[in-house]
Amino acid sequence: MHDVVRDLLCRYFDAVDRADLAAVQDFLGDATVILGGRTLRGREELAAAYAPRLLAPVDGRRRTAHHLTNLLIAPEGSSTVRAAASYLRLEEGPVLAASGRIEQLLDLTDAGWRVREHRVVTDL
Protein backbone atom coordinates (compact mmCIF):
# COMPACT_ATOMS: atom_id res chain seq x y z
CA MET A 1 0.00 0.00 0.00
CA HIS A 2 2.76 2.48 0.87
CA ASP A 3 4.36 2.11 -2.57
CA VAL A 4 1.03 2.65 -4.32
CA VAL A 5 0.23 5.79 -2.32
CA ARG A 6 3.73 7.20 -2.92
CA ASP A 7 3.36 6.45 -6.62
CA LEU A 8 0.03 8.31 -6.75
CA LEU A 9 1.58 11.43 -5.23
CA CYS A 10 4.49 11.25 -7.65
CA ARG A 11 2.14 10.82 -10.62
CA TYR A 12 0.22 13.94 -9.57
CA PHE A 13 3.37 16.08 -9.52
CA ASP A 14 4.58 14.49 -12.76
CA ALA A 15 1.33 15.57 -14.44
CA VAL A 16 1.73 19.10 -13.06
CA ASP A 17 5.35 19.34 -14.24
CA ARG A 18 4.35 18.11 -17.71
CA ALA A 19 1.45 20.62 -17.77
CA ASP A 20 -0.93 17.71 -18.41
CA LEU A 21 -4.31 19.10 -17.34
CA ALA A 22 -6.19 15.97 -18.45
CA ALA A 23 -4.01 13.79 -16.20
CA VAL A 24 -4.56 16.17 -13.25
CA GLN A 25 -8.31 16.00 -13.89
CA ASP A 26 -8.20 12.19 -14.11
CA PHE A 27 -6.24 12.01 -10.86
CA LEU A 28 -8.38 14.49 -8.89
CA GLY A 29 -11.68 14.49 -10.80
CA ASP A 30 -13.69 12.81 -8.04
CA ALA A 31 -11.90 14.48 -5.14
CA THR A 32 -12.57 17.57 -3.09
CA VAL A 33 -9.54 19.78 -3.76
CA ILE A 34 -8.47 22.58 -1.43
CA LEU A 35 -6.06 24.83 -3.32
CA GLY A 36 -5.07 28.36 -2.40
CA GLY A 37 -7.95 28.73 0.05
CA ARG A 38 -10.52 27.59 -2.54
CA THR A 39 -12.52 24.37 -2.49
CA LEU A 40 -12.88 22.76 -5.90
CA ARG A 41 -15.07 19.88 -7.05
CA GLY A 42 -15.33 18.31 -10.47
CA ARG A 43 -13.34 18.44 -13.69
CA GLU A 44 -14.57 21.90 -14.76
CA GLU A 45 -13.56 23.61 -11.50
CA LEU A 46 -10.21 21.80 -11.63
CA ALA A 47 -9.64 23.01 -15.18
CA ALA A 48 -10.46 26.61 -14.26
CA ALA A 49 -8.05 26.56 -11.30
CA TYR A 50 -5.20 24.51 -12.78
CA ALA A 51 -5.08 25.72 -16.41
CA PRO A 52 -3.47 29.10 -15.56
CA ARG A 53 -0.97 27.35 -13.25
CA LEU A 54 0.04 24.90 -15.97
CA LEU A 55 0.86 27.42 -18.67
CA ALA A 56 3.88 26.24 -20.61
CA PRO A 57 6.25 28.30 -22.75
CA VAL A 58 6.07 28.10 -26.54
CA ASP A 59 7.93 24.79 -26.70
CA GLY A 60 5.24 23.10 -24.58
CA ARG A 61 7.53 22.27 -21.66
CA ARG A 62 6.68 23.61 -18.24
CA ARG A 63 9.95 24.43 -16.54
CA THR A 64 9.24 23.15 -13.05
CA ALA A 65 10.32 20.14 -11.08
CA HIS A 66 8.48 19.13 -7.93
CA HIS A 67 10.28 17.03 -5.33
CA LEU A 68 8.59 15.17 -2.47
CA THR A 69 10.04 14.54 0.95
CA ASN A 70 8.91 13.45 4.42
CA LEU A 71 6.13 11.20 3.18
CA LEU A 72 3.83 10.04 5.96
CA ILE A 73 1.17 7.39 5.38
CA ALA A 74 -1.35 6.46 8.07
CA PRO A 75 -3.97 3.77 7.44
CA GLU A 76 -7.42 4.57 8.82
CA GLY A 77 -9.08 1.18 8.66
CA SER A 78 -8.72 -1.33 5.86
CA SER A 79 -9.81 0.87 2.96
CA THR A 80 -8.81 4.45 3.83
CA VAL A 81 -5.38 6.04 4.06
CA ARG A 82 -4.25 9.51 5.07
CA ALA A 83 -1.06 10.65 3.32
CA ALA A 84 1.00 13.80 3.69
CA ALA A 85 4.26 14.95 2.16
CA SER A 86 6.33 18.08 1.95
CA TYR A 87 7.19 19.37 -1.51
CA LEU A 88 9.67 21.71 -3.14
CA ARG A 89 8.99 23.33 -6.51
CA LEU A 90 12.07 24.22 -8.50
CA GLU A 91 11.92 26.48 -11.53
CA GLU A 92 14.41 27.19 -14.26
CA GLY A 93 17.67 28.47 -12.90
CA PRO A 94 17.32 26.35 -10.75
CA VAL A 95 15.45 28.46 -8.26
CA LEU A 96 13.39 27.31 -5.29
CA ALA A 97 10.03 28.81 -6.22
CA ALA A 98 7.77 27.30 -3.58
CA SER A 99 7.50 24.79 -0.81
CA GLY A 100 4.60 23.38 1.08
CA ARG A 101 2.67 20.32 2.02
CA ILE A 102 0.29 17.97 0.23
CA GLU A 103 -2.32 16.22 2.33
CA GLN A 104 -4.54 13.52 0.89
CA LEU A 105 -7.29 11.19 2.00
CA LEU A 106 -7.47 8.10 -0.22
CA ASP A 107 -10.01 5.30 -0.45
CA LEU A 108 -9.54 1.79 -1.77
CA THR A 109 -12.19 1.17 -4.45
CA ASP A 110 -12.82 -1.64 -6.91
CA ALA A 111 -10.69 0.37 -9.35
CA GLY A 112 -7.80 0.80 -6.87
CA TRP A 113 -6.80 3.69 -4.62
CA ARG A 114 -8.62 6.95 -5.39
CA VAL A 115 -8.17 10.43 -3.91
CA ARG A 116 -11.17 11.61 -1.87
CA GLU A 117 -9.57 14.83 -0.60
CA HIS A 118 -6.49 16.69 -1.85
CA ARG A 119 -5.17 19.72 0.03
CA VAL A 120 -2.24 21.90 -1.08
CA VAL A 121 -0.74 24.10 1.64
CA THR A 122 1.94 26.45 0.31
CA ASP A 123 4.25 27.94 2.91
CA LEU A 124 6.87 29.63 0.74
C-alpha atoms as a PDB file:
ATOM      1  CA  MET A   1       0.000   0.000   0.000  1.00  0.00           C
ATOM      2  CA  HIS A   2       2.756   2.483   0.868  1.00  0.00           C
ATOM      3  CA  ASP A   3       4.360   2.109  -2.567  1.00  0.00           C
ATOM      4  CA  VAL A   4       1.028   2.651  -4.319  1.00  0.00           C
ATOM      5  CA  VAL A   5       0.235   5.792  -2.318  1.00  0.00           C
ATOM      6  CA  ARG A   6       3.734   7.198  -2.915  1.00  0.00           C
ATOM      7  CA  ASP A   7       3.355   6.447  -6.625  1.00  0.00           C
ATOM      8  CA  LEU A   8       0.029   8.311  -6.754  1.00  0.00           C
ATOM      9  CA  LEU A   9       1.577  11.429  -5.226  1.00  0.00           C
ATOM     10  CA  CYS A  10       4.492  11.248  -7.650  1.00  0.00           C
ATOM     11  CA  ARG A  11       2.140  10.821 -10.620  1.00  0.00           C
ATOM     12  CA  TYR A  12       0.218  13.940  -9.575  1.00  0.00           C
ATOM     13  CA  PHE A  13       3.373  16.080  -9.525  1.00  0.00           C
ATOM     14  CA  ASP A  14       4.579  14.494 -12.758  1.00  0.00           C
ATOM     15  CA  ALA A  15       1.333  15.573 -14.443  1.00  0.00           C
ATOM     16  CA  VAL A  16       1.729  19.101 -13.058  1.00  0.00           C
ATOM     17  CA  ASP A  17       5.354  19.336 -14.238  1.00  0.00           C
ATOM     18  CA  ARG A  18       4.346  18.110 -17.714  1.00  0.00           C
ATOM     19  CA  ALA A  19       1.446  20.625 -17.773  1.00  0.00           C
ATOM     20  CA  ASP A  20      -0.935  17.715 -18.407  1.00  0.00           C
ATOM     21  CA  LEU A  21      -4.307  19.104 -17.344  1.00  0.00           C
ATOM     22  CA  ALA A  22      -6.194  15.970 -18.452  1.00  0.00           C
ATOM     23  CA  ALA A  23      -4.008  13.791 -16.196  1.00  0.00           C
ATOM     24  CA  VAL A  24      -4.555  16.166 -13.248  1.00  0.00           C
ATOM     25  CA  GLN A  25      -8.307  16.001 -13.889  1.00  0.00           C
ATOM     26  CA  ASP A  26      -8.203  12.192 -14.110  1.00  0.00           C
ATOM     27  CA  PHE A  27      -6.244  12.015 -10.865  1.00  0.00           C
ATOM     28  CA  LEU A  28      -8.380  14.493  -8.895  1.00  0.00           C
ATOM     29  CA  GLY A  29     -11.678  14.486 -10.802  1.00  0.00           C
ATOM     30  CA  ASP A  30     -13.693  12.805  -8.038  1.00  0.00           C
ATOM     31  CA  ALA A  31     -11.899  14.481  -5.137  1.00  0.00           C
ATOM     32  CA  THR A  32     -12.574  17.570  -3.094  1.00  0.00           C
ATOM     33  CA  VAL A  33      -9.544  19.780  -3.760  1.00  0.00           C
ATOM     34  CA  ILE A  34      -8.474  22.578  -1.431  1.00  0.00           C
ATOM     35  CA  LEU A  35      -6.061  24.828  -3.320  1.00  0.00           C
ATOM     36  CA  GLY A  36      -5.070  28.356  -2.404  1.00  0.00           C
ATOM     37  CA  GLY A  37      -7.954  28.728   0.047  1.00  0.00           C
ATOM     38  CA  ARG A  38     -10.520  27.591  -2.545  1.00  0.00           C
ATOM     39  CA  THR A  39     -12.523  24.369  -2.487  1.00  0.00           C
ATOM     40  CA  LEU A  40     -12.879  22.757  -5.905  1.00  0.00           C
ATOM     41  CA  ARG A  41     -15.072  19.881  -7.049  1.00  0.00           C
ATOM     42  CA  GLY A  42     -15.328  18.312 -10.468  1.00  0.00           C
ATOM     43  CA  ARG A  43     -13.337  18.444 -13.688  1.00  0.00           C
ATOM     44  CA  GLU A  44     -14.568  21.898 -14.759  1.00  0.00           C
ATOM     45  CA  GLU A  45     -13.562  23.612 -11.502  1.00  0.00           C
ATOM     46  CA  LEU A  46     -10.206  21.798 -11.625  1.00  0.00           C
ATOM     47  CA  ALA A  47      -9.636  23.013 -15.182  1.00  0.00           C
ATOM     48  CA  ALA A  48     -10.465  26.609 -14.264  1.00  0.00           C
ATOM     49  CA  ALA A  49      -8.053  26.563 -11.301  1.00  0.00           C
ATOM     50  CA  TYR A  50      -5.205  24.511 -12.779  1.00  0.00           C
ATOM     51  CA  ALA A  51      -5.081  25.722 -16.413  1.00  0.00           C
ATOM     52  CA  PRO A  52      -3.473  29.098 -15.562  1.00  0.00           C
ATOM     53  CA  ARG A  53      -0.971  27.353 -13.250  1.00  0.00           C
ATOM     54  CA  LEU A  54       0.044  24.896 -15.967  1.00  0.00           C
ATOM     55  CA  LEU A  55       0.863  27.422 -18.671  1.00  0.00           C
ATOM     56  CA  ALA A  56       3.884  26.242 -20.614  1.00  0.00           C
ATOM     57  CA  PRO A  57       6.249  28.297 -22.754  1.00  0.00           C
ATOM     58  CA  VAL A  58       6.069  28.101 -26.539  1.00  0.00           C
ATOM     59  CA  ASP A  59       7.934  24.785 -26.703  1.00  0.00           C
ATOM     60  CA  GLY A  60       5.238  23.099 -24.581  1.00  0.00           C
ATOM     61  CA  ARG A  61       7.531  22.272 -21.657  1.00  0.00           C
ATOM     62  CA  ARG A  62       6.682  23.612 -18.240  1.00  0.00           C
ATOM     63  CA  ARG A  63       9.948  24.430 -16.538  1.00  0.00           C
ATOM     64  CA  THR A  64       9.239  23.146 -13.051  1.00  0.00           C
ATOM     65  CA  ALA A  65      10.325  20.141 -11.075  1.00  0.00           C
ATOM     66  CA  HIS A  66       8.476  19.128  -7.928  1.00  0.00           C
ATOM     67  CA  HIS A  67      10.276  17.033  -5.326  1.00  0.00           C
ATOM     68  CA  LEU A  68       8.590  15.172  -2.467  1.00  0.00           C
ATOM     69  CA  THR A  69      10.041  14.536   0.954  1.00  0.00           C
ATOM     70  CA  ASN A  70       8.912  13.455   4.425  1.00  0.00           C
ATOM     71  CA  LEU A  71       6.127  11.202   3.177  1.00  0.00           C
ATOM     72  CA  LEU A  72       3.827  10.036   5.960  1.00  0.00           C
ATOM     73  CA  ILE A  73       1.169   7.393   5.375  1.00  0.00           C
ATOM     74  CA  ALA A  74      -1.347   6.456   8.066  1.00  0.00           C
ATOM     75  CA  PRO A  75      -3.968   3.767   7.443  1.00  0.00           C
ATOM     76  CA  GLU A  76      -7.422   4.570   8.818  1.00  0.00           C
ATOM     77  CA  GLY A  77      -9.085   1.182   8.662  1.00  0.00           C
ATOM     78  CA  SER A  78      -8.722  -1.335   5.857  1.00  0.00           C
ATOM     79  CA  SER A  79      -9.813   0.872   2.961  1.00  0.00           C
ATOM     80  CA  THR A  80      -8.808   4.446   3.831  1.00  0.00           C
ATOM     81  CA  VAL A  81      -5.379   6.037   4.063  1.00  0.00           C
ATOM     82  CA  ARG A  82      -4.252   9.507   5.071  1.00  0.00           C
ATOM     83  CA  ALA A  83      -1.063  10.649   3.322  1.00  0.00           C
ATOM     84  CA  ALA A  84       1.002  13.798   3.691  1.00  0.00           C
ATOM     85  CA  ALA A  85       4.263  14.953   2.164  1.00  0.00           C
ATOM     86  CA  SER A  86       6.330  18.083   1.946  1.00  0.00           C
ATOM     87  CA  TYR A  87       7.191  19.369  -1.512  1.00  0.00           C
ATOM     88  CA  LEU A  88       9.666  21.707  -3.135  1.00  0.00           C
ATOM     89  CA  ARG A  89       8.992  23.334  -6.511  1.00  0.00           C
ATOM     90  CA  LEU A  90      12.070  24.216  -8.502  1.00  0.00           C
ATOM     91  CA  GLU A  91      11.923  26.478 -11.527  1.00  0.00           C
ATOM     92  CA  GLU A  92      14.409  27.193 -14.265  1.00  0.00           C
ATOM     93  CA  GLY A  93      17.667  28.474 -12.898  1.00  0.00           C
ATOM     94  CA  PRO A  94      17.318  26.351 -10.754  1.00  0.00           C
ATOM     95  CA  VAL A  95      15.446  28.465  -8.258  1.00  0.00           C
ATOM     96  CA  LEU A  96      13.393  27.308  -5.288  1.00  0.00           C
ATOM     97  CA  ALA A  97      10.029  28.810  -6.224  1.00  0.00           C
ATOM     98  CA  ALA A  98       7.767  27.300  -3.578  1.00  0.00           C
ATOM     99  CA  SER A  99       7.500  24.786  -0.807  1.00  0.00           C
ATOM    100  CA  GLY A 100       4.600  23.383   1.078  1.00  0.00           C
ATOM    101  CA  ARG A 101       2.673  20.323   2.018  1.00  0.00           C
ATOM    102  CA  ILE A 102       0.291  17.969   0.232  1.00  0.00           C
ATOM    103  CA  GLU A 103      -2.319  16.222   2.335  1.00  0.00           C
ATOM    104  CA  GLN A 104      -4.545  13.518   0.887  1.00  0.00           C
ATOM    105  CA  LEU A 105      -7.286  11.194   2.003  1.00  0.00           C
ATOM    106  CA  LEU A 106      -7.466   8.097  -0.219  1.00  0.00           C
ATOM    107  CA  ASP A 107     -10.006   5.303  -0.452  1.00  0.00           C
ATOM    108  CA  LEU A 108      -9.537   1.792  -1.773  1.00  0.00           C
ATOM    109  CA  THR A 109     -12.191   1.169  -4.448  1.00  0.00           C
ATOM    110  CA  ASP A 110     -12.819  -1.645  -6.906  1.00  0.00           C
ATOM    111  CA  ALA A 111     -10.687   0.369  -9.355  1.00  0.00           C
ATOM    112  CA  GLY A 112      -7.795   0.796  -6.874  1.00  0.00           C
ATOM    113  CA  TRP A 113      -6.801   3.691  -4.617  1.00  0.00           C
ATOM    114  CA  ARG A 114      -8.616   6.953  -5.392  1.00  0.00           C
ATOM    115  CA  VAL A 115      -8.172  10.427  -3.909  1.00  0.00           C
ATOM    116  CA  ARG A 116     -11.168  11.607  -1.872  1.00  0.00           C
ATOM    117  CA  GLU A 117      -9.569  14.826  -0.602  1.00  0.00           C
ATOM    118  CA  HIS A 118      -6.491  16.687  -1.854  1.00  0.00           C
ATOM    119  CA  ARG A 119      -5.168  19.718   0.026  1.00  0.00           C
ATOM    120  CA  VAL A 120      -2.240  21.900  -1.079  1.00  0.00           C
ATOM    121  CA  VAL A 121      -0.737  24.104   1.643  1.00  0.00           C
ATOM    122  CA  THR A 122       1.940  26.452   0.313  1.00  0.00           C
ATOM    123  CA  ASP A 123       4.251  27.944   2.915  1.00  0.00           C
ATOM    124  CA  LEU A 124       6.872  29.635   0.742  1.00  0.00           C
END
